[in-house]
Amino acid sequence: MSIATDVASLEIMADIYKKKSLDAILKKTVDTLVENVSYIDWAGVYCVEGEEDARLMAASEEGRDLSWESNAELKFPIKDANENILGVLIVRSKEAICFDVTDVSTLEEIATGLAEVGFSN
């Protein structure tokens, strides 16, 4: 069980429930995940634009996505009420096999929260 991920989730969800601006919530999400969860080395949120295009909306380290040096990666779709994919939350780690089922369920909850704050706007 990852207590660090749960604590990070509480901080992020507090901003979501306070209905802060989308930009502020996205920045808080990526920064909080990297700062509070020792094995998350990079986090990013992409907005899906069209069927195959995505735009980076927030990243823990702008311009550096660690895709070539990560050993573990999880992706969580951000969906609207009609199950349309609006974006994706991605977390990456240099450690292999570092994520557990608690991380997965907690990060899924964060992705759901991001959709609820009007991610499509």
PDB file of N, CA and C in Angstrom:
ATOM      1  N   MET A   1       0.839  -1.178   0.000  1.00  0.00           N
ATOM      2  CA  MET A   1       0.000   0.000   0.000  1.00  0.00           C
ATOM      3  C   MET A   1       0.882   1.239   0.000  1.00  0.00           C
ATOM      4  N   SER A   2       0.540   2.177  -0.845  1.00  0.00           N
ATOM      5  CA  SER A   2       1.336   3.384  -0.967  1.00  0.00           C
ATOM      6  C   SER A   2       0.669   4.543  -0.248  1.00  0.00           C
ATOM      7  N   ILE A   3       1.114   4.796   0.947  1.00  0.00           N
ATOM      8  CA  ILE A   3       0.576   5.906   1.729  1.00  0.00           C
ATOM      9  C   ILE A   3       0.926   7.229   1.061  1.00  0.00           C
ATOM     10  N   ALA A   4       2.109   7.313   0.466  1.00  0.00           N
ATOM     11  CA  ALA A   4       2.527   8.554  -0.191  1.00  0.00           C
ATOM     12  C   ALA A   4       1.573   8.940  -1.319  1.00  0.00           C
ATOM     13  N   THR A   5       1.143   7.967  -2.103  1.00  0.00           N
ATOM     14  CA  THR A   5       0.204   8.244  -3.194  1.00  0.00           C
ATOM     15  C   THR A   5      -1.141   8.688  -2.636  1.00  0.00           C
ATOM     16  N   ASP A   6      -1.574   8.062  -1.556  1.00  0.00           N
ATOM     17  CA  ASP A   6      -2.840   8.452  -0.935  1.00  0.00           C
ATOM     18  C   ASP A   6      -2.788   9.885  -0.396  1.00  0.00           C
ATOM     19  N   VAL A   7      -1.682  10.246   0.230  1.00  0.00           N
ATOM     20  CA  VAL A   7      -1.522  11.607   0.758  1.00  0.00           C
ATOM     21  C   VAL A   7      -1.514  12.619  -0.389  1.00  0.00           C
ATOM     22  N   ALA A   8      -0.785  12.308  -1.448  1.00  0.00           N
ATOM     23  CA  ALA A   8      -0.758  13.193  -2.613  1.00  0.00           C
ATOM     24  C   ALA A   8      -2.159  13.354  -3.193  1.00  0.00           C
ATOM     25  N   SER A   9      -2.893  12.257  -3.248  1.00  0.00           N
ATOM     26  CA  SER A   9      -4.256  12.297  -3.772  1.00  0.00           C
ATOM     27  C   SER A   9      -5.148  13.217  -2.946  1.00  0.00           C
ATOM     28  N   LEU A  10      -5.013  13.169  -1.637  1.00  0.00           N
ATOM     29  CA  LEU A  10      -5.825  14.034  -0.778  1.00  0.00           C
ATOM     30  C   LEU A  10      -5.556  15.509  -1.058  1.00  0.00           C
ATOM     31  N   GLU A  11      -4.294  15.857  -1.248  1.00  0.00           N
ATOM     32  CA  GLU A  11      -3.946  17.249  -1.560  1.00  0.00           C
ATOM     33  C   GLU A  11      -4.529  17.671  -2.909  1.00  0.00           C
ATOM     34  N   ILE A  12      -4.414  16.793  -3.903  1.00  0.00           N
ATOM     35  CA  ILE A  12      -4.921  17.101  -5.243  1.00  0.00           C
ATOM     36  C   ILE A  12      -6.440  17.198  -5.238  1.00  0.00           C
ATOM     37  N   MET A  13      -7.101  16.220  -4.614  1.00  0.00           N
ATOM     38  CA  MET A  13      -8.558  16.204  -4.603  1.00  0.00           C
ATOM     39  C   MET A  13      -9.123  17.399  -3.832  1.00  0.00           C
ATOM     40  N   ALA A  14      -8.408  17.896  -2.835  1.00  0.00           N
ATOM     41  CA  ALA A  14      -8.863  19.086  -2.113  1.00  0.00           C
ATOM     42  C   ALA A  14      -8.981  20.268  -3.071  1.00  0.00           C
ATOM     43  N   ASP A  15      -7.988  20.433  -3.959  1.00  0.00           N
ATOM     44  CA  ASP A  15      -8.048  21.529  -4.932  1.00  0.00           C
ATOM     45  C   ASP A  15      -9.154  21.295  -5.960  1.00  0.00           C
ATOM     46  N   ILE A  16      -9.368  20.042  -6.329  1.00  0.00           N
ATOM     47  CA  ILE A  16     -10.441  19.728  -7.272  1.00  0.00           C
ATOM     48  C   ILE A  16     -11.792  20.088  -6.660  1.00  0.00           C
ATOM     49  N   TYR A  17     -12.013  19.689  -5.415  1.00  0.00           N
ATOM     50  CA  TYR A  17     -13.291  19.960  -4.762  1.00  0.00           C
ATOM     51  C   TYR A  17     -13.487  21.441  -4.462  1.00  0.00           C
ATOM     52  N   LYS A  18     -12.400  22.185  -4.328  1.00  0.00           N
ATOM     53  CA  LYS A  18     -12.497  23.636  -4.122  1.00  0.00           C
ATOM     54  C   LYS A  18     -12.766  24.363  -5.434  1.00  0.00           C
ATOM     55  N   LYS A  19     -12.780  23.600  -6.534  1.00  0.00           N
ATOM     56  CA  LYS A  19     -13.064  24.148  -7.878  1.00  0.00           C
ATOM     57  C   LYS A  19     -12.068  25.232  -8.278  1.00  0.00           C
ATOM     58  N   LYS A  20     -10.798  24.991  -7.984  1.00  0.00           N
ATOM     59  CA  LYS A  20      -9.760  25.916  -8.423  1.00  0.00           C
ATOM     60  C   LYS A  20      -9.666  25.865  -9.939  1.00  0.00           C
ATOM     61  N   SER A  21      -8.889  26.753 -10.531  1.00  0.00           N
ATOM     62  CA  SER A  21      -8.783  26.790 -11.992  1.00  0.00           C
ATOM     63  C   SER A  21      -8.136  25.504 -12.508  1.00  0.00           C
ATOM     64  N   LEU A  22      -8.476  25.134 -13.721  1.00  0.00           N
ATOM     65  CA  LEU A  22      -7.942  23.916 -14.313  1.00  0.00           C
ATOM     66  C   LEU A  22      -6.423  23.949 -14.369  1.00  0.00           C
ATOM     67  N   ASP A  23      -5.850  25.073 -14.793  1.00  0.00           N
ATOM     68  CA  ASP A  23      -4.386  25.177 -14.867  1.00  0.00           C
ATOM     69  C   ASP A  23      -3.743  24.958 -13.501  1.00  0.00           C
ATOM     70  N   ALA A  24      -4.329  25.549 -12.465  1.00  0.00           N
ATOM     71  CA  ALA A  24      -3.788  25.399 -11.114  1.00  0.00           C
ATOM     72  C   ALA A  24      -3.896  23.945 -10.642  1.00  0.00           C
ATOM     73  N   ILE A  25      -5.006  23.308 -10.937  1.00  0.00           N
ATOM     74  CA  ILE A  25      -5.199  21.911 -10.537  1.00  0.00           C
ATOM     75  C   ILE A  25      -4.230  20.992 -11.268  1.00  0.00           C
ATOM     76  N   LEU A  26      -4.041  21.215 -12.556  1.00  0.00           N
ATOM     77  CA  LEU A  26      -3.121  20.364 -13.321  1.00  0.00           C
ATOM     78  C   LEU A  26      -1.691  20.512 -12.819  1.00  0.00           C
ATOM     79  N   LYS A  27      -1.271  21.740 -12.566  1.00  0.00           N
ATOM     80  CA  LYS A  27       0.078  21.977 -12.051  1.00  0.00           C
ATOM     81  C   LYS A  27       0.237  21.344 -10.667  1.00  0.00           C
ATOM     82  N   LYS A  28      -0.759  21.515  -9.825  1.00  0.00           N
ATOM     83  CA  LYS A  28      -0.732  20.911  -8.486  1.00  0.00           C
ATOM     84  C   LYS A  28      -0.646  19.391  -8.590  1.00  0.00           C
ATOM     85  N   THR A  29      -1.383  18.807  -9.523  1.00  0.00           N
ATOM     86  CA  THR A  29      -1.398  17.357  -9.693  1.00  0.00           C
ATOM     87  C   THR A  29      -0.012  16.826 -10.010  1.00  0.00           C
ATOM     88  N   VAL A  30       0.623  17.352 -11.050  1.00  0.00           N
ATOM     89  CA  VAL A  30       1.926  16.813 -11.466  1.00  0.00           C
ATOM     90  C   VAL A  30       3.010  17.098 -10.427  1.00  0.00           C
ATOM     91  N   ASP A  31       2.999  18.285  -9.856  1.00  0.00           N
ATOM     92  CA  ASP A  31       4.019  18.631  -8.857  1.00  0.00           C
ATOM     93  C   ASP A  31       3.849  17.806  -7.577  1.00  0.00           C
ATOM     94  N   THR A  32       2.630  17.658  -7.119  1.00  0.00           N
ATOM     95  CA  THR A  32       2.379  16.925  -5.883  1.00  0.00           C
ATOM     96  C   THR A  32       2.749  15.453  -6.029  1.00  0.00           C
ATOM     97  N   LEU A  33       2.430  14.850  -7.163  1.00  0.00           N
ATOM     98  CA  LEU A  33       2.776  13.439  -7.359  1.00  0.00           C
ATOM     99  C   LEU A  33       4.285  13.220  -7.306  1.00  0.00           C
ATOM    100  N   VAL A  34       5.035  14.096  -7.968  1.00  0.00           N
ATOM    101  CA  VAL A  34       6.499  13.927  -7.994  1.00  0.00           C
ATOM    102  C   VAL A  34       7.123  14.266  -6.637  1.00  0.00           C
ATOM    103  N   GLU A  35       6.624  15.294  -5.985  1.00  0.00           N
ATOM    104  CA  GLU A  35       7.200  15.713  -4.705  1.00  0.00           C
ATOM    105  C   GLU A  35       6.881  14.742  -3.569  1.00  0.00           C
ATOM    106  N   ASN A  36       5.691  14.154  -3.568  1.00  0.00           N
ATOM    107  CA  ASN A  36       5.252  13.331  -2.433  1.00  0.00           C
ATOM    108  C   ASN A  36       5.467  11.830  -2.606  1.00  0.00           C
ATOM    109  N   VAL A  37       5.587  11.364  -3.836  1.00  0.00           N
ATOM    110  CA  VAL A  37       5.730   9.931  -4.080  1.00  0.00           C
ATOM    111  C   VAL A  37       7.146   9.696  -4.596  1.00  0.00           C
ATOM    112  N   SER A  38       7.982   9.113  -3.758  1.00  0.00           N
ATOM    113  CA  SER A  38       9.422   9.026  -4.050  1.00  0.00           C
ATOM    114  C   SER A  38       9.753   8.296  -5.346  1.00  0.00           C
ATOM    115  N   TYR A  39       8.934   7.376  -5.773  1.00  0.00           N
ATOM    116  CA  TYR A  39       9.238   6.607  -6.974  1.00  0.00           C
ATOM    117  C   TYR A  39       8.583   7.150  -8.239  1.00  0.00           C
ATOM    118  N   ILE A  40       7.829   8.225  -8.145  1.00  0.00           N
ATOM    119  CA  ILE A  40       7.324   8.891  -9.351  1.00  0.00           C
ATOM    120  C   ILE A  40       8.328   9.978  -9.703  1.00  0.00           C
ATOM    121  N   ASP A  41       9.002   9.795 -10.840  1.00  0.00           N
ATOM    122  CA  ASP A  41      10.035  10.737 -11.272  1.00  0.00           C
ATOM    123  C   ASP A  41       9.508  11.790 -12.240  1.00  0.00           C
ATOM    124  N   TRP A  42       8.387  11.506 -12.887  1.00  0.00           N
ATOM    125  CA  TRP A  42       7.803  12.463 -13.826  1.00  0.00           C
ATOM    126  C   TRP A  42       6.306  12.215 -13.885  1.00  0.00           C
ATOM    127  N   ALA A  43       5.558  13.299 -13.987  1.00  0.00           N
ATOM    128  CA  ALA A  43       4.110  13.210 -14.173  1.00  0.00           C
ATOM    129  C   ALA A  43       3.708  14.252 -15.199  1.00  0.00           C
ATOM    130  N   GLY A  44       2.748  13.900 -16.025  1.00  0.00           N
ATOM    131  CA  GLY A  44       2.258  14.826 -17.033  1.00  0.00           C
ATOM    132  C   GLY A  44       0.788  14.598 -17.324  1.00  0.00           C
ATOM    133  N   VAL A  45       0.138  15.650 -17.783  1.00  0.00           N
ATOM    134  CA  VAL A  45      -1.259  15.571 -18.190  1.00  0.00           C
ATOM    135  C   VAL A  45      -1.348  16.088 -19.614  1.00  0.00           C
ATOM    136  N   TYR A  46      -1.904  15.260 -20.474  1.00  0.00           N
ATOM    137  CA  TYR A  46      -2.086  15.613 -21.871  1.00  0.00           C
ATOM    138  C   TYR A  46      -3.559  15.805 -22.173  1.00  0.00           C
ATOM    139  N   CYS A  47      -3.857  16.739 -23.049  1.00  0.00           N
ATOM    140  CA  CYS A  47      -5.199  16.951 -23.566  1.00  0.00           C
ATOM    141  C   CYS A  47      -5.255  16.287 -24.938  1.00  0.00           C
ATOM    142  N   VAL A  48      -6.256  15.471 -25.160  1.00  0.00           N
ATOM    143  CA  VAL A  48      -6.401  14.800 -26.448  1.00  0.00           C
ATOM    144  C   VAL A  48      -7.102  15.752 -27.412  1.00  0.00           C
ATOM    145  N   GLU A  49      -6.466  15.975 -28.544  1.00  0.00           N
ATOM    146  CA  GLU A  49      -7.012  16.864 -29.574  1.00  0.00           C
ATOM    147  C   GLU A  49      -7.138  16.070 -30.859  1.00  0.00           C
ATOM    148  N   GLY A  50      -8.332  15.587 -31.137  1.00  0.00           N
ATOM    149  CA  GLY A  50      -8.512  14.736 -32.298  1.00  0.00           C
ATOM    150  C   GLY A  50      -8.199  13.294 -31.936  1.00  0.00           C
ATOM    151  N   GLU A  51      -8.186  12.444 -32.927  1.00  0.00           N
ATOM    152  CA  GLU A  51      -8.014  11.016 -32.668  1.00  0.00           C
ATOM    153  C   GLU A  51      -6.595  10.636 -32.294  1.00  0.00           C
ATOM    154  N   GLU A  52      -5.608  11.329 -32.825  1.00  0.00           N
ATOM    155  CA  GLU A  52      -4.233  10.907 -32.579  1.00  0.00           C
ATOM    156  C   GLU A  52      -3.329  12.021 -32.055  1.00  0.00           C
ATOM    157  N   ASP A  53      -3.880  13.181 -31.813  1.00  0.00           N
ATOM    158  CA  ASP A  53      -3.075  14.306 -31.355  1.00  0.00           C
ATOM    159  C   ASP A  53      -3.285  14.551 -29.866  1.00  0.00           C
ATOM    160  N   ALA A  54      -2.203  14.874 -29.201  1.00  0.00           N
ATOM    161  CA  ALA A  54      -2.282  15.209 -27.779  1.00  0.00           C
ATOM    162  C   ALA A  54      -1.358  16.388 -27.508  1.00  0.00           C
ATOM    163  N   ARG A  55      -1.799  17.248 -26.591  1.00  0.00           N
ATOM    164  CA  ARG A  55      -1.016  18.427 -26.229  1.00  0.00           C
ATOM    165  C   ARG A  55      -0.704  18.356 -24.744  1.00  0.00           C
ATOM    166  N   LEU A  56       0.561  18.543 -24.399  1.00  0.00           N
ATOM    167  CA  LEU A  56       0.967  18.541 -23.002  1.00  0.00           C
ATOM    168  C   LEU A  56       0.409  19.786 -22.318  1.00  0.00           C
ATOM    169  N   MET A  57      -0.385  19.574 -21.285  1.00  0.00           N
ATOM    170  CA  MET A  57      -1.003  20.692 -20.557  1.00  0.00           C
ATOM    171  C   MET A  57      -0.232  21.040 -19.286  1.00  0.00           C
ATOM    172  N   ALA A  58       0.367  20.035 -18.665  1.00  0.00           N
ATOM    173  CA  ALA A  58       1.143  20.259 -17.445  1.00  0.00           C
ATOM    174  C   ALA A  58       2.128  19.108 -17.287  1.00  0.00           C
ATOM    175  N   ALA A  59       3.303  19.432 -16.801  1.00  0.00           N
ATOM    176  CA  ALA A  59       4.318  18.406 -16.561  1.00  0.00           C
ATOM    177  C   ALA A  59       5.142  18.803 -15.349  1.00  0.00           C
ATOM    178  N   SER A  60       5.634  17.807 -14.642  1.00  0.00           N
ATOM    179  CA  SER A  60       6.431  18.085 -13.459  1.00  0.00           C
ATOM    180  C   SER A  60       7.751  18.742 -13.815  1.00  0.00           C
ATOM    181  N   GLU A  61       8.279  18.416 -14.967  1.00  0.00           N
ATOM    182  CA  GLU A  61       9.475  19.076 -15.492  1.00  0.00           C
ATOM    183  C   GLU A  61       9.178  19.424 -16.942  1.00  0.00           C
ATOM    184  N   GLU A  62       8.866  20.670 -17.189  1.00  0.00           N
ATOM    185  CA  GLU A  62       8.503  21.111 -18.536  1.00  0.00           C
ATOM    186  C   GLU A  62       9.585  20.736 -19.543  1.00  0.00           C
ATOM    187  N   GLY A  63       9.168  20.187 -20.644  1.00  0.00           N
ATOM    188  CA  GLY A  63      10.093  19.866 -21.722  1.00  0.00           C
ATOM    189  C   GLY A  63      10.895  18.599 -21.531  1.00  0.00           C
ATOM    190  N   ARG A  64      10.719  17.943 -20.393  1.00  0.00           N
ATOM    191  CA  ARG A  64      11.475  16.716 -20.135  1.00  0.00           C
ATOM    192  C   ARG A  64      10.493  15.649 -19.694  1.00  0.00           C
ATOM    193  N   ASP A  65      10.260  14.644 -20.539  1.00  0.00           N
ATOM    194  CA  ASP A  65       9.221  13.678 -20.205  1.00  0.00           C
ATOM    195  C   ASP A  65       9.729  12.326 -19.728  1.00  0.00           C
ATOM    196  N   LEU A  66      11.020  12.129 -19.658  1.00  0.00           N
ATOM    197  CA  LEU A  66      11.621  10.900 -19.153  1.00  0.00           C
ATOM    198  C   LEU A  66      11.198   9.644 -19.905  1.00  0.00           C
ATOM    199  N   SER A  67      10.572   9.772 -21.057  1.00  0.00           N
ATOM    200  CA  SER A  67      10.062   8.585 -21.745  1.00  0.00           C
ATOM    201  C   SER A  67      11.161   7.610 -22.121  1.00  0.00           C
ATOM    202  N   TRP A  68      12.331   8.087 -22.401  1.00  0.00           N
ATOM    203  CA  TRP A  68      13.403   7.186 -22.811  1.00  0.00           C
ATOM    204  C   TRP A  68      14.136   6.559 -21.641  1.00  0.00           C
ATOM    205  N   GLU A  69      14.016   7.137 -20.450  1.00  0.00           N
ATOM    206  CA  GLU A  69      14.750   6.595 -19.323  1.00  0.00           C
ATOM    207  C   GLU A  69      13.864   6.003 -18.233  1.00  0.00           C
ATOM    208  N   SER A  70      12.571   5.908 -18.473  1.00  0.00           N
ATOM    209  CA  SER A  70      11.697   5.344 -17.454  1.00  0.00           C
ATOM    210  C   SER A  70      11.605   3.824 -17.600  1.00  0.00           C
ATOM    211  N   ASN A  71      11.484   3.166 -16.473  1.00  0.00           N
ATOM    212  CA  ASN A  71      11.350   1.714 -16.445  1.00  0.00           C
ATOM    213  C   ASN A  71       9.940   1.279 -16.089  1.00  0.00           C
ATOM    214  N   ALA A  72       9.131   2.221 -15.656  1.00  0.00           N
ATOM    215  CA  ALA A  72       7.743   1.929 -15.323  1.00  0.00           C
ATOM    216  C   ALA A  72       6.896   3.131 -15.716  1.00  0.00           C
ATOM    217  N   GLU A  73       5.717   2.842 -16.250  1.00  0.00           N
ATOM    218  CA  GLU A  73       4.827   3.916 -16.698  1.00  0.00           C
ATOM    219  C   GLU A  73       3.388   3.462 -16.527  1.00  0.00           C
ATOM    220  N   LEU A  74       2.566   4.375 -16.038  1.00  0.00           N
ATOM    221  CA  LEU A  74       1.134   4.138 -15.955  1.00  0.00           C
ATOM    222  C   LEU A  74       0.428   5.280 -16.663  1.00  0.00           C
ATOM    223  N   LYS A  75      -0.633   4.938 -17.390  1.00  0.00           N
ATOM    224  CA  LYS A  75      -1.437   5.936 -18.089  1.00  0.00           C
ATOM    225  C   LYS A  75      -2.889   5.776 -17.668  1.00  0.00           C
ATOM    226  N   PHE A  76      -3.522   6.904 -17.365  1.00  0.00           N
ATOM    227  CA  PHE A  76      -4.902   6.894 -16.916  1.00  0.00           C
ATOM    228  C   PHE A  76      -5.726   7.838 -17.787  1.00  0.00           C
ATOM    229  N   PRO A  77      -6.704   7.306 -18.512  1.00  0.00           N
ATOM    230  CA  PRO A  77      -7.523   8.179 -19.352  1.00  0.00           C
ATOM    231  C   PRO A  77      -8.390   9.110 -18.516  1.00  0.00           C
ATOM    232  N   ILE A  78      -8.544  10.303 -19.007  1.00  0.00           N
ATOM    233  CA  ILE A  78      -9.430  11.284 -18.388  1.00  0.00           C
ATOM    234  C   ILE A  78     -10.655  11.331 -19.288  1.00  0.00           C
ATOM    235  N   LYS A  79     -11.794  10.818 -18.787  1.00  0.00           N
ATOM    236  CA  LYS A  79     -12.997  10.647 -19.613  1.00  0.00           C
ATOM    237  C   LYS A  79     -14.139  11.498 -19.110  1.00  0.00           C
ATOM    238  N   ASP A  80     -14.972  11.944 -20.058  1.00  0.00           N
ATOM    239  CA  ASP A  80     -16.179  12.663 -19.675  1.00  0.00           C
ATOM    240  C   ASP A  80     -17.284  11.655 -19.323  1.00  0.00           C
ATOM    241  N   ALA A  81     -18.470  12.160 -19.014  1.00  0.00           N
ATOM    242  CA  ALA A  81     -19.585  11.300 -18.602  1.00  0.00           C
ATOM    243  C   ALA A  81     -20.018  10.323 -19.703  1.00  0.00           C
ATOM    244  N   ASN A  82     -19.723  10.668 -20.946  1.00  0.00           N
ATOM    245  CA  ASN A  82     -20.079   9.802 -22.072  1.00  0.00           C
ATOM    246  C   ASN A  82     -18.946   8.864 -22.474  1.00  0.00           C
ATOM    247  N   GLU A  83     -17.919   8.777 -21.622  1.00  0.00           N
ATOM    248  CA  GLU A  83     -16.764   7.903 -21.851  1.00  0.00           C
ATOM    249  C   GLU A  83     -15.862   8.363 -23.006  1.00  0.00           C
ATOM    250  N   ASN A  84     -16.009   9.626 -23.434  1.00  0.00           N
ATOM    251  CA  ASN A  84     -15.097  10.186 -24.424  1.00  0.00           C
ATOM    252  C   ASN A  84     -13.786  10.532 -23.731  1.00  0.00           C
ATOM    253  N   ILE A  85     -12.670  10.193 -24.342  1.00  0.00           N
ATOM    254  CA  ILE A  85     -11.374  10.483 -23.744  1.00  0.00           C
ATOM    255  C   ILE A  85     -11.001  11.933 -24.029  1.00  0.00           C
ATOM    256  N   LEU A  86     -10.824  12.691 -22.947  1.00  0.00           N
ATOM    257  CA  LEU A  86     -10.480  14.103 -23.038  1.00  0.00           C
ATOM    258  C   LEU A  86      -8.977  14.317 -22.899  1.00  0.00           C
ATOM    259  N   GLY A  87      -8.343  13.413 -22.181  1.00  0.00           N
ATOM    260  CA  GLY A  87      -6.923  13.557 -21.928  1.00  0.00           C
ATOM    261  C   GLY A  87      -6.375  12.311 -21.266  1.00  0.00           C
ATOM    262  N   VAL A  88      -5.146  12.433 -20.786  1.00  0.00           N
ATOM    263  CA  VAL A  88      -4.506  11.300 -20.120  1.00  0.00           C
ATOM    264  C   VAL A  88      -3.537  11.818 -19.059  1.00  0.00           C
ATOM    265  N   LEU A  89      -3.556  11.150 -17.914  1.00  0.00           N
ATOM    266  CA  LEU A  89      -2.604  11.391 -16.836  1.00  0.00           C
ATOM    267  C   LEU A  89      -1.543  10.298 -16.945  1.00  0.00           C
ATOM    268  N   ILE A  90      -0.277  10.705 -17.012  1.00  0.00           N
ATOM    269  CA  ILE A  90       0.816   9.741 -17.136  1.00  0.00           C
ATOM    270  C   ILE A  90       1.789   9.944 -15.986  1.00  0.00           C
ATOM    271  N   VAL A  91       2.209   8.843 -15.372  1.00  0.00           N
ATOM    272  CA  VAL A  91       3.262   8.882 -14.370  1.00  0.00           C
ATOM    273  C   VAL A  91       4.353   7.914 -14.799  1.00  0.00           C
ATOM    274  N   ARG A  92       5.598   8.325 -14.579  1.00  0.00           N
ATOM    275  CA  ARG A  92       6.747   7.502 -14.970  1.00  0.00           C
ATOM    276  C   ARG A  92       7.738   7.413 -13.818  1.00  0.00           C
ATOM    277  N   SER A  93       8.427   6.278 -13.779  1.00  0.00           N
ATOM    278  CA  SER A  93       9.425   6.048 -12.747  1.00  0.00           C
ATOM    279  C   SER A  93      10.671   5.426 -13.362  1.00  0.00           C
ATOM    280  N   LYS A  94      11.809   5.758 -12.788  1.00  0.00           N
ATOM    281  CA  LYS A  94      13.055   5.120 -13.200  1.00  0.00           C
ATOM    282  C   LYS A  94      13.167   3.731 -12.588  1.00  0.00           C
ATOM    283  N   GLU A  95      12.373   3.457 -11.535  1.00  0.00           N
ATOM    284  CA  GLU A  95      12.379   2.151 -10.876  1.00  0.00           C
ATOM    285  C   GLU A  95      11.466   1.185 -11.627  1.00  0.00           C
ATOM    286  N   ALA A  96      11.913  -0.046 -11.768  1.00  0.00           N
ATOM    287  CA  ALA A  96      11.069  -1.072 -12.367  1.00  0.00           C
ATOM    288  C   ALA A  96      10.143  -1.646 -11.293  1.00  0.00           C
ATOM    289  N   ILE A  97       8.966  -2.011 -11.699  1.00  0.00           N
ATOM    290  CA  ILE A  97       7.992  -2.673 -10.827  1.00  0.00           C
ATOM    291  C   ILE A  97       7.797  -1.920  -9.503  1.00  0.00           C
ATOM    292  N   CYS A  98       7.522  -0.647  -9.588  1.00  0.00           N
ATOM    293  CA  CYS A  98       7.389   0.159  -8.372  1.00  0.00           C
ATOM    294  C   CYS A  98       5.938   0.458  -8.012  1.00  0.00           C
ATOM    295  N   PHE A  99       5.027   0.377  -8.969  1.00  0.00           N
ATOM    296  CA  PHE A  99       3.631   0.716  -8.721  1.00  0.00           C
ATOM    297  C   PHE A  99       2.870  -0.507  -8.217  1.00  0.00           C
ATOM    298  N   ASP A 100       1.933  -0.269  -7.285  1.00  0.00           N
ATOM    299  CA  ASP A 100       1.098  -1.362  -6.801  1.00  0.00           C
ATOM    300  C   ASP A 100      -0.371  -1.048  -7.077  1.00  0.00           C
ATOM    301  N   VAL A 101      -1.259  -1.953  -6.683  1.00  0.00           N
ATOM    302  CA  VAL A 101      -2.678  -1.780  -6.979  1.00  0.00           C
ATOM    303  C   VAL A 101      -3.267  -0.551  -6.297  1.00  0.00           C
ATOM    304  N   THR A 102      -2.725  -0.177  -5.159  1.00  0.00           N
ATOM    305  CA  THR A 102      -3.204   1.028  -4.485  1.00  0.00           C
ATOM    306  C   THR A 102      -2.881   2.262  -5.312  1.00  0.00           C
ATOM    307  N   ASP A 103      -1.682   2.290  -5.885  1.00  0.00           N
ATOM    308  CA  ASP A 103      -1.315   3.403  -6.759  1.00  0.00           C
ATOM    309  C   ASP A 103      -2.292   3.500  -7.924  1.00  0.00           C
ATOM    310  N   VAL A 104      -2.599   2.367  -8.518  1.00  0.00           N
ATOM    311  CA  VAL A 104      -3.488   2.349  -9.680  1.00  0.00           C
ATOM    312  C   VAL A 104      -4.858   2.910  -9.313  1.00  0.00           C
ATOM    313  N   SER A 105      -5.463   2.420  -8.256  1.00  0.00           N
ATOM    314  CA  SER A 105      -6.803   2.895  -7.901  1.00  0.00           C
ATOM    315  C   SER A 105      -6.795   4.373  -7.500  1.00  0.00           C
ATOM    316  N   THR A 106      -5.757   4.801  -6.801  1.00  0.00           N
ATOM    317  CA  THR A 106      -5.665   6.204  -6.392  1.00  0.00           C
ATOM    318  C   THR A 106      -5.476   7.118  -7.593  1.00  0.00           C
ATOM    319  N   LEU A 107      -4.619   6.738  -8.511  1.00  0.00           N
ATOM    320  CA  LEU A 107      -4.377   7.564  -9.702  1.00  0.00           C
ATOM    321  C   LEU A 107      -5.591   7.565 -10.629  1.00  0.00           C
ATOM    322  N   GLU A 108      -6.334   6.472 -10.673  1.00  0.00           N
ATOM    323  CA  GLU A 108      -7.594   6.454 -11.434  1.00  0.00           C
ATOM    324  C   GLU A 108      -8.578   7.461 -10.855  1.00  0.00           C
ATOM    325  N   GLU A 109      -8.636   7.534  -9.523  1.00  0.00           N
ATOM    326  CA  GLU A 109      -9.515   8.486  -8.857  1.00  0.00           C
ATOM    327  C   GLU A 109      -9.117   9.932  -9.198  1.00  0.00           C
ATOM    328  N   ILE A 110      -7.828  10.198  -9.255  1.00  0.00           N
ATOM    329  CA  ILE A 110      -7.358  11.534  -9.624  1.00  0.00           C
ATOM    330  C   ILE A 110      -7.767  11.861 -11.057  1.00  0.00           C
ATOM    331  N   ALA A 111      -7.603  10.916 -11.975  1.00  0.00           N
ATOM    332  CA  ALA A 111      -7.993  11.140 -13.374  1.00  0.00           C
ATOM    333  C   ALA A 111      -9.493  11.424 -13.478  1.00  0.00           C
ATOM    334  N   THR A 112     -10.295  10.709 -12.713  1.00  0.00           N
ATOM    335  CA  THR A 112     -11.736  10.950 -12.692  1.00  0.00           C
ATOM    336  C   THR A 112     -12.034  12.349 -12.160  1.00  0.00           C
ATOM    337  N   GLY A 113     -11.318  12.750 -11.129  1.00  0.00           N
ATOM    338  CA  GLY A 113     -11.496  14.096 -10.578  1.00  0.00           C
ATOM    339  C   GLY A 113     -11.140  15.174 -11.568  1.00  0.00           C
ATOM    340  N   LEU A 114     -10.078  14.951 -12.345  1.00  0.00           N
ATOM    341  CA  LEU A 114      -9.687  15.935 -13.360  1.00  0.00           C
ATOM    342  C   LEU A 114     -10.782  16.122 -14.400  1.00  0.00           C
ATOM    343  N   ALA A 115     -11.445  15.041 -14.766  1.00  0.00           N
ATOM    344  CA  ALA A 115     -12.542  15.145 -15.743  1.00  0.00           C
ATOM    345  C   ALA A 115     -13.697  15.952 -15.158  1.00  0.00           C
ATOM    346  N   GLU A 116     -13.934  15.800 -13.874  1.00  0.00           N
ATOM    347  CA  GLU A 116     -15.065  16.472 -13.228  1.00  0.00           C
ATOM    348  C   GLU A 116     -14.898  17.985 -13.110  1.00  0.00           C
ATOM    349  N   VAL A 117     -13.671  18.484 -13.179  1.00  0.00           N
ATOM    350  CA  VAL A 117     -13.469  19.937 -13.059  1.00  0.00           C
ATOM    351  C   VAL A 117     -13.536  20.646 -14.404  1.00  0.00           C
ATOM    352  N   GLY A 118     -14.054  19.960 -15.399  1.00  0.00           N
ATOM    353  CA  GLY A 118     -14.209  20.611 -16.685  1.00  0.00           C
ATOM    354  C   GLY A 118     -12.963  20.552 -17.533  1.00  0.00           C
ATOM    355  N   PHE A 119     -12.317  19.410 -17.518  1.00  0.00           N
ATOM    356  CA  PHE A 119     -11.068  19.244 -18.274  1.00  0.00           C
ATOM    357  C   PHE A 119     -11.249  19.590 -19.736  1.00  0.00           C
ATOM    358  N   SER A 120     -12.419  19.405 -20.288  1.00  0.00           N
ATOM    359  CA  SER A 120     -12.631  19.642 -21.717  1.00  0.00           C
ATOM    360  C   SER A 120     -12.708  21.108 -22.072  1.00  0.00           C
ATOM    361  N   ASN A 121     -12.828  21.990 -21.086  1.00  0.00           N
ATOM    362  CA  ASN A 121     -12.959  23.427 -21.380  1.00  0.00           C
ATOM    363  C   ASN A 121     -11.628  24.066 -21.634  1.00  0.00           C
TER     364      ASN A 121
END
